[in-house]
Each structure stands twice: as C-alpha cells, then as structure tokens.
Amino acid sequence: MAYVDGFVTPVPKRSLAAYRRMSRLAGKVWREHGALEFRECVADDVTWGKRTSLPLARRA
C-alpha cells in the first residue's frame, strides 16, 4: 500500500534559501527512514483571495 504526505508551509521570500537547506536535510532523513521520493515545490504566484489565500489560511 502506498501513501503520500503533503504539507503546505508559508515561507517568506527572504527565508527561501534557509528553507531549501533545511528541506534538503529533511529529504535525506526521510529517505533514510524509508521514503522512496521527496519533492519540494515553491509557488511564486499565489495571490490573495477569499478562500485560496495562503496568508489568510495561515491566520486561521
């Protein structure tokens, strides 16, 4: 049986380099513990919206 874990994390643009370093380390650890793949994506076109806004979701 396969499954996927997914996370959405708001990261300020000024902190992307530090986040990417941490993300690469986390990917190595997850693979050591059995993960088959690791993907990291950054959305740079997320706009403010009534229901789709990451900043509004973060406040909830």
PDB file of N, CA and C in Angstrom:
ATOM      1  N   MET A   1       0.842  -1.184   0.000  1.00  0.00           N
ATOM      2  CA  MET A   1       0.000   0.000   0.000  1.00  0.00           C
ATOM      3  C   MET A   1       0.884   1.242   0.000  1.00  0.00           C
ATOM      4  N   ALA A   2       0.579   2.176  -0.866  1.00  0.00           N
ATOM      5  CA  ALA A   2       1.357   3.410  -0.952  1.00  0.00           C
ATOM      6  C   ALA A   2       0.546   4.576  -0.402  1.00  0.00           C
ATOM      7  N   TYR A   3       1.238   5.559   0.082  1.00  0.00           N
ATOM      8  CA  TYR A   3       0.576   6.775   0.536  1.00  0.00           C
ATOM      9  C   TYR A   3       1.491   7.966   0.310  1.00  0.00           C
ATOM     10  N   VAL A   4       0.897   9.143   0.382  1.00  0.00           N
ATOM     11  CA  VAL A   4       1.639  10.376   0.146  1.00  0.00           C
ATOM     12  C   VAL A   4       1.366  11.327   1.307  1.00  0.00           C
ATOM     13  N   ASP A   5       2.396  11.939   1.817  1.00  0.00           N
ATOM     14  CA  ASP A   5       2.248  13.012   2.803  1.00  0.00           C
ATOM     15  C   ASP A   5       2.471  14.324   2.074  1.00  0.00           C
ATOM     16  N   GLY A   6       1.630  15.288   2.347  1.00  0.00           N
ATOM     17  CA  GLY A   6       1.789  16.595   1.734  1.00  0.00           C
ATOM     18  C   GLY A   6       1.664  17.688   2.776  1.00  0.00           C
ATOM     19  N   PHE A   7       2.445  18.720   2.610  1.00  0.00           N
ATOM     20  CA  PHE A   7       2.443  19.832   3.554  1.00  0.00           C
ATOM     21  C   PHE A   7       2.434  21.145   2.787  1.00  0.00           C
ATOM     22  N   VAL A   8       1.755  22.128   3.317  1.00  0.00           N
ATOM     23  CA  VAL A   8       1.783  23.480   2.778  1.00  0.00           C
ATOM     24  C   VAL A   8       2.338  24.365   3.883  1.00  0.00           C
ATOM     25  N   THR A   9       3.433  25.029   3.574  1.00  0.00           N
ATOM     26  CA  THR A   9       4.096  25.859   4.574  1.00  0.00           C
ATOM     27  C   THR A   9       4.375  27.234   3.998  1.00  0.00           C
ATOM     28  N   PRO A  10       3.831  28.278   4.607  1.00  0.00           N
ATOM     29  CA  PRO A  10       4.152  29.627   4.125  1.00  0.00           C
ATOM     30  C   PRO A  10       5.571  29.999   4.544  1.00  0.00           C
ATOM     31  N   VAL A  11       6.375  30.402   3.574  1.00  0.00           N
ATOM     32  CA  VAL A  11       7.761  30.797   3.839  1.00  0.00           C
ATOM     33  C   VAL A  11       7.990  32.164   3.198  1.00  0.00           C
ATOM     34  N   PRO A  12       8.438  33.149   3.976  1.00  0.00           N
ATOM     35  CA  PRO A  12       8.733  34.457   3.376  1.00  0.00           C
ATOM     36  C   PRO A  12       9.842  34.332   2.323  1.00  0.00           C
ATOM     37  N   LYS A  13       9.755  35.126   1.276  1.00  0.00           N
ATOM     38  CA  LYS A  13      10.756  35.062   0.205  1.00  0.00           C
ATOM     39  C   LYS A  13      12.172  35.253   0.732  1.00  0.00           C
ATOM     40  N   ARG A  14      12.333  36.095   1.746  1.00  0.00           N
ATOM     41  CA  ARG A  14      13.673  36.347   2.286  1.00  0.00           C
ATOM     42  C   ARG A  14      14.239  35.118   3.008  1.00  0.00           C
ATOM     43  N   SER A  15      13.396  34.141   3.320  1.00  0.00           N
ATOM     44  CA  SER A  15      13.841  32.945   4.045  1.00  0.00           C
ATOM     45  C   SER A  15      13.925  31.696   3.168  1.00  0.00           C
ATOM     46  N   LEU A  16      13.735  31.840   1.859  1.00  0.00           N
ATOM     47  CA  LEU A  16      13.720  30.665   0.976  1.00  0.00           C
ATOM     48  C   LEU A  16      15.036  29.897   0.980  1.00  0.00           C
ATOM     49  N   ALA A  17      16.164  30.568   0.988  1.00  0.00           N
ATOM     50  CA  ALA A  17      17.459  29.870   0.968  1.00  0.00           C
ATOM     51  C   ALA A  17      17.614  28.999   2.212  1.00  0.00           C
ATOM     52  N   ALA A  18      17.285  29.533   3.369  1.00  0.00           N
ATOM     53  CA  ALA A  18      17.376  28.753   4.605  1.00  0.00           C
ATOM     54  C   ALA A  18      16.389  27.593   4.586  1.00  0.00           C
ATOM     55  N   TYR A  19      15.188  27.834   4.062  1.00  0.00           N
ATOM     56  CA  TYR A  19      14.188  26.772   3.974  1.00  0.00           C
ATOM     57  C   TYR A  19      14.661  25.654   3.048  1.00  0.00           C
ATOM     58  N   ARG A  20      15.254  26.014   1.929  1.00  0.00           N
ATOM     59  CA  ARG A  20      15.734  24.992   0.993  1.00  0.00           C
ATOM     60  C   ARG A  20      16.843  24.137   1.621  1.00  0.00           C
ATOM     61  N   ARG A  21      17.728  24.756   2.401  1.00  0.00           N
ATOM     62  CA  ARG A  21      18.776  23.980   3.086  1.00  0.00           C
ATOM     63  C   ARG A  21      18.145  22.989   4.060  1.00  0.00           C
ATOM     64  N   MET A  22      17.197  23.460   4.842  1.00  0.00           N
ATOM     65  CA  MET A  22      16.520  22.594   5.792  1.00  0.00           C
ATOM     66  C   MET A  22      15.752  21.495   5.068  1.00  0.00           C
ATOM     67  N   SER A  23      15.150  21.841   3.951  1.00  0.00           N
ATOM     68  CA  SER A  23      14.362  20.892   3.182  1.00  0.00           C
ATOM     69  C   SER A  23      15.230  19.763   2.619  1.00  0.00           C
ATOM     70  N   ARG A  24      16.412  20.105   2.113  1.00  0.00           N
ATOM     71  CA  ARG A  24      17.306  19.058   1.597  1.00  0.00           C
ATOM     72  C   ARG A  24      17.731  18.104   2.707  1.00  0.00           C
ATOM     73  N   LEU A  25      18.031  18.632   3.876  1.00  0.00           N
ATOM     74  CA  LEU A  25      18.394  17.794   5.012  1.00  0.00           C
ATOM     75  C   LEU A  25      17.226  16.893   5.413  1.00  0.00           C
ATOM     76  N   ALA A  26      16.030  17.459   5.474  1.00  0.00           N
ATOM     77  CA  ALA A  26      14.853  16.664   5.831  1.00  0.00           C
ATOM     78  C   ALA A  26      14.633  15.552   4.809  1.00  0.00           C
ATOM     79  N   GLY A  27      14.826  15.852   3.531  1.00  0.00           N
ATOM     80  CA  GLY A  27      14.652  14.827   2.493  1.00  0.00           C
ATOM     81  C   GLY A  27      15.608  13.662   2.678  1.00  0.00           C
ATOM     82  N   LYS A  28      16.841  13.946   3.052  1.00  0.00           N
ATOM     83  CA  LYS A  28      17.810  12.874   3.301  1.00  0.00           C
ATOM     84  C   LYS A  28      17.372  12.012   4.477  1.00  0.00           C
ATOM     85  N   VAL A  29      16.910  12.656   5.534  1.00  0.00           N
ATOM     86  CA  VAL A  29      16.464  11.918   6.721  1.00  0.00           C
ATOM     87  C   VAL A  29      15.253  11.054   6.383  1.00  0.00           C
ATOM     88  N   TRP A  30      14.288  11.606   5.651  1.00  0.00           N
ATOM     89  CA  TRP A  30      13.103  10.835   5.290  1.00  0.00           C
ATOM     90  C   TRP A  30      13.460   9.628   4.437  1.00  0.00           C
ATOM     91  N   ARG A  31      14.397   9.792   3.509  1.00  0.00           N
ATOM     92  CA  ARG A  31      14.801   8.646   2.671  1.00  0.00           C
ATOM     93  C   ARG A  31      15.531   7.594   3.501  1.00  0.00           C
ATOM     94  N   GLU A  32      16.312   8.024   4.488  1.00  0.00           N
ATOM     95  CA  GLU A  32      16.962   7.056   5.377  1.00  0.00           C
ATOM     96  C   GLU A  32      15.939   6.237   6.156  1.00  0.00           C
ATOM     97  N   HIS A  33      14.762   6.795   6.355  1.00  0.00           N
ATOM     98  CA  HIS A  33      13.713   6.117   7.116  1.00  0.00           C
ATOM     99  C   HIS A  33      12.642   5.520   6.223  1.00  0.00           C
ATOM    100  N   GLY A  34      12.939   5.338   4.949  1.00  0.00           N
ATOM    101  CA  GLY A  34      12.052   4.580   4.089  1.00  0.00           C
ATOM    102  C   GLY A  34      11.307   5.326   3.005  1.00  0.00           C
ATOM    103  N   ALA A  35      11.393   6.633   2.967  1.00  0.00           N
ATOM    104  CA  ALA A  35      10.710   7.363   1.892  1.00  0.00           C
ATOM    105  C   ALA A  35      11.347   7.008   0.556  1.00  0.00           C
ATOM    106  N   LEU A  36      10.541   6.831  -0.456  1.00  0.00           N
ATOM    107  CA  LEU A  36      11.049   6.492  -1.782  1.00  0.00           C
ATOM    108  C   LEU A  36      11.382   7.739  -2.592  1.00  0.00           C
ATOM    109  N   GLU A  37      10.640   8.805  -2.373  1.00  0.00           N
ATOM    110  CA  GLU A  37      10.849  10.048  -3.101  1.00  0.00           C
ATOM    111  C   GLU A  37      10.639  11.230  -2.178  1.00  0.00           C
ATOM    112  N   PHE A  38      11.157  12.347  -2.599  1.00  0.00           N
ATOM    113  CA  PHE A  38      10.980  13.594  -1.873  1.00  0.00           C
ATOM    114  C   PHE A  38      10.860  14.703  -2.899  1.00  0.00           C
ATOM    115  N   ARG A  39       9.814  15.495  -2.805  1.00  0.00           N
ATOM    116  CA  ARG A  39       9.596  16.607  -3.742  1.00  0.00           C
ATOM    117  C   ARG A  39       9.387  17.882  -2.954  1.00  0.00           C
ATOM    118  N   GLU A  40       9.950  18.947  -3.443  1.00  0.00           N
ATOM    119  CA  GLU A  40       9.782  20.259  -2.821  1.00  0.00           C
ATOM    120  C   GLU A  40       9.347  21.228  -3.907  1.00  0.00           C
ATOM    121  N   CYS A  41       8.266  21.939  -3.680  1.00  0.00           N
ATOM    122  CA  CYS A  41       7.742  22.882  -4.665  1.00  0.00           C
ATOM    123  C   CYS A  41       7.539  24.240  -4.011  1.00  0.00           C
ATOM    124  N   VAL A  42       7.762  25.281  -4.777  1.00  0.00           N
ATOM    125  CA  VAL A  42       7.548  26.635  -4.294  1.00  0.00           C
ATOM    126  C   VAL A  42       6.605  27.325  -5.270  1.00  0.00           C
ATOM    127  N   ALA A  43       5.507  27.848  -4.737  1.00  0.00           N
ATOM    128  CA  ALA A  43       4.558  28.603  -5.561  1.00  0.00           C
ATOM    129  C   ALA A  43       4.927  30.075  -5.446  1.00  0.00           C
ATOM    130  N   ASP A  44       5.253  30.688  -6.561  1.00  0.00           N
ATOM    131  CA  ASP A  44       5.626  32.098  -6.513  1.00  0.00           C
ATOM    132  C   ASP A  44       4.536  32.998  -7.085  1.00  0.00           C
ATOM    133  N   ASP A  45       3.378  32.414  -7.387  1.00  0.00           N
ATOM    134  CA  ASP A  45       2.299  33.200  -7.978  1.00  0.00           C
ATOM    135  C   ASP A  45       1.009  33.106  -7.176  1.00  0.00           C
ATOM    136  N   VAL A  46       1.106  32.837  -5.879  1.00  0.00           N
ATOM    137  CA  VAL A  46      -0.084  32.727  -5.038  1.00  0.00           C
ATOM    138  C   VAL A  46      -0.607  34.128  -4.743  1.00  0.00           C
ATOM    139  N   THR A  47      -1.856  34.354  -5.071  1.00  0.00           N
ATOM    140  CA  THR A  47      -2.446  35.672  -4.859  1.00  0.00           C
ATOM    141  C   THR A  47      -3.361  35.662  -3.648  1.00  0.00           C
ATOM    142  N   TRP A  48      -3.648  36.847  -3.149  1.00  0.00           N
ATOM    143  CA  TRP A  48      -4.605  36.975  -2.060  1.00  0.00           C
ATOM    144  C   TRP A  48      -5.988  36.676  -2.594  1.00  0.00           C
ATOM    145  N   GLY A  49      -6.763  35.926  -1.845  1.00  0.00           N
ATOM    146  CA  GLY A  49      -8.117  35.592  -2.250  1.00  0.00           C
ATOM    147  C   GLY A  49      -8.979  35.350  -1.023  1.00  0.00           C
ATOM    148  N   LYS A  50     -10.271  35.152  -1.232  1.00  0.00           N
ATOM    149  CA  LYS A  50     -11.177  34.929  -0.109  1.00  0.00           C
ATOM    150  C   LYS A  50     -10.985  33.544   0.490  1.00  0.00           C
ATOM    151  N   ARG A  51     -10.723  32.539  -0.343  1.00  0.00           N
ATOM    152  CA  ARG A  51     -10.575  31.172   0.155  1.00  0.00           C
ATOM    153  C   ARG A  51      -9.255  30.521  -0.238  1.00  0.00           C
ATOM    154  N   THR A  52      -8.543  31.115  -1.153  1.00  0.00           N
ATOM    155  CA  THR A  52      -7.334  30.477  -1.680  1.00  0.00           C
ATOM    156  C   THR A  52      -6.059  31.169  -1.239  1.00  0.00           C
ATOM    157  N   SER A  53      -6.168  32.096  -0.326  1.00  0.00           N
ATOM    158  CA  SER A  53      -5.006  32.865   0.076  1.00  0.00           C
ATOM    159  C   SER A  53      -4.215  32.147   1.162  1.00  0.00           C
ATOM    160  N   LEU A  54      -2.948  31.885   0.918  1.00  0.00           N
ATOM    161  CA  LEU A  54      -2.096  31.257   1.919  1.00  0.00           C
ATOM    162  C   LEU A  54      -1.930  32.156   3.135  1.00  0.00           C
ATOM    163  N   PRO A  55      -1.728  33.467   2.979  1.00  0.00           N
ATOM    164  CA  PRO A  55      -1.646  34.308   4.174  1.00  0.00           C
ATOM    165  C   PRO A  55      -2.913  34.268   5.020  1.00  0.00           C
ATOM    166  N   LEU A  56      -4.085  34.234   4.388  1.00  0.00           N
ATOM    167  CA  LEU A  56      -5.331  34.146   5.165  1.00  0.00           C
ATOM    168  C   LEU A  56      -5.446  32.784   5.840  1.00  0.00           C
ATOM    169  N   ALA A  57      -5.049  31.728   5.156  1.00  0.00           N
ATOM    170  CA  ALA A  57      -5.101  30.387   5.751  1.00  0.00           C
ATOM    171  C   ALA A  57      -4.156  30.295   6.938  1.00  0.00           C
ATOM    172  N   ARG A  58      -3.029  30.948   6.854  1.00  0.00           N
ATOM    173  CA  ARG A  58      -2.054  30.921   7.946  1.00  0.00           C
ATOM    174  C   ARG A  58      -2.633  31.563   9.202  1.00  0.00           C
ATOM    175  N   ARG A  59      -3.429  32.616   9.031  1.00  0.00           N
ATOM    176  CA  ARG A  59      -4.041  33.285  10.171  1.00  0.00           C
ATOM    177  C   ARG A  59      -5.099  32.424  10.845  1.00  0.00           C
ATOM    178  N   ALA A  60      -5.723  31.537  10.088  1.00  0.00           N
ATOM    179  CA  ALA A  60      -6.773  30.664  10.657  1.00  0.00           C
ATOM    180  C   ALA A  60      -6.140  29.701  11.583  1.00  0.00           C
TER     181      ALA A  60
END
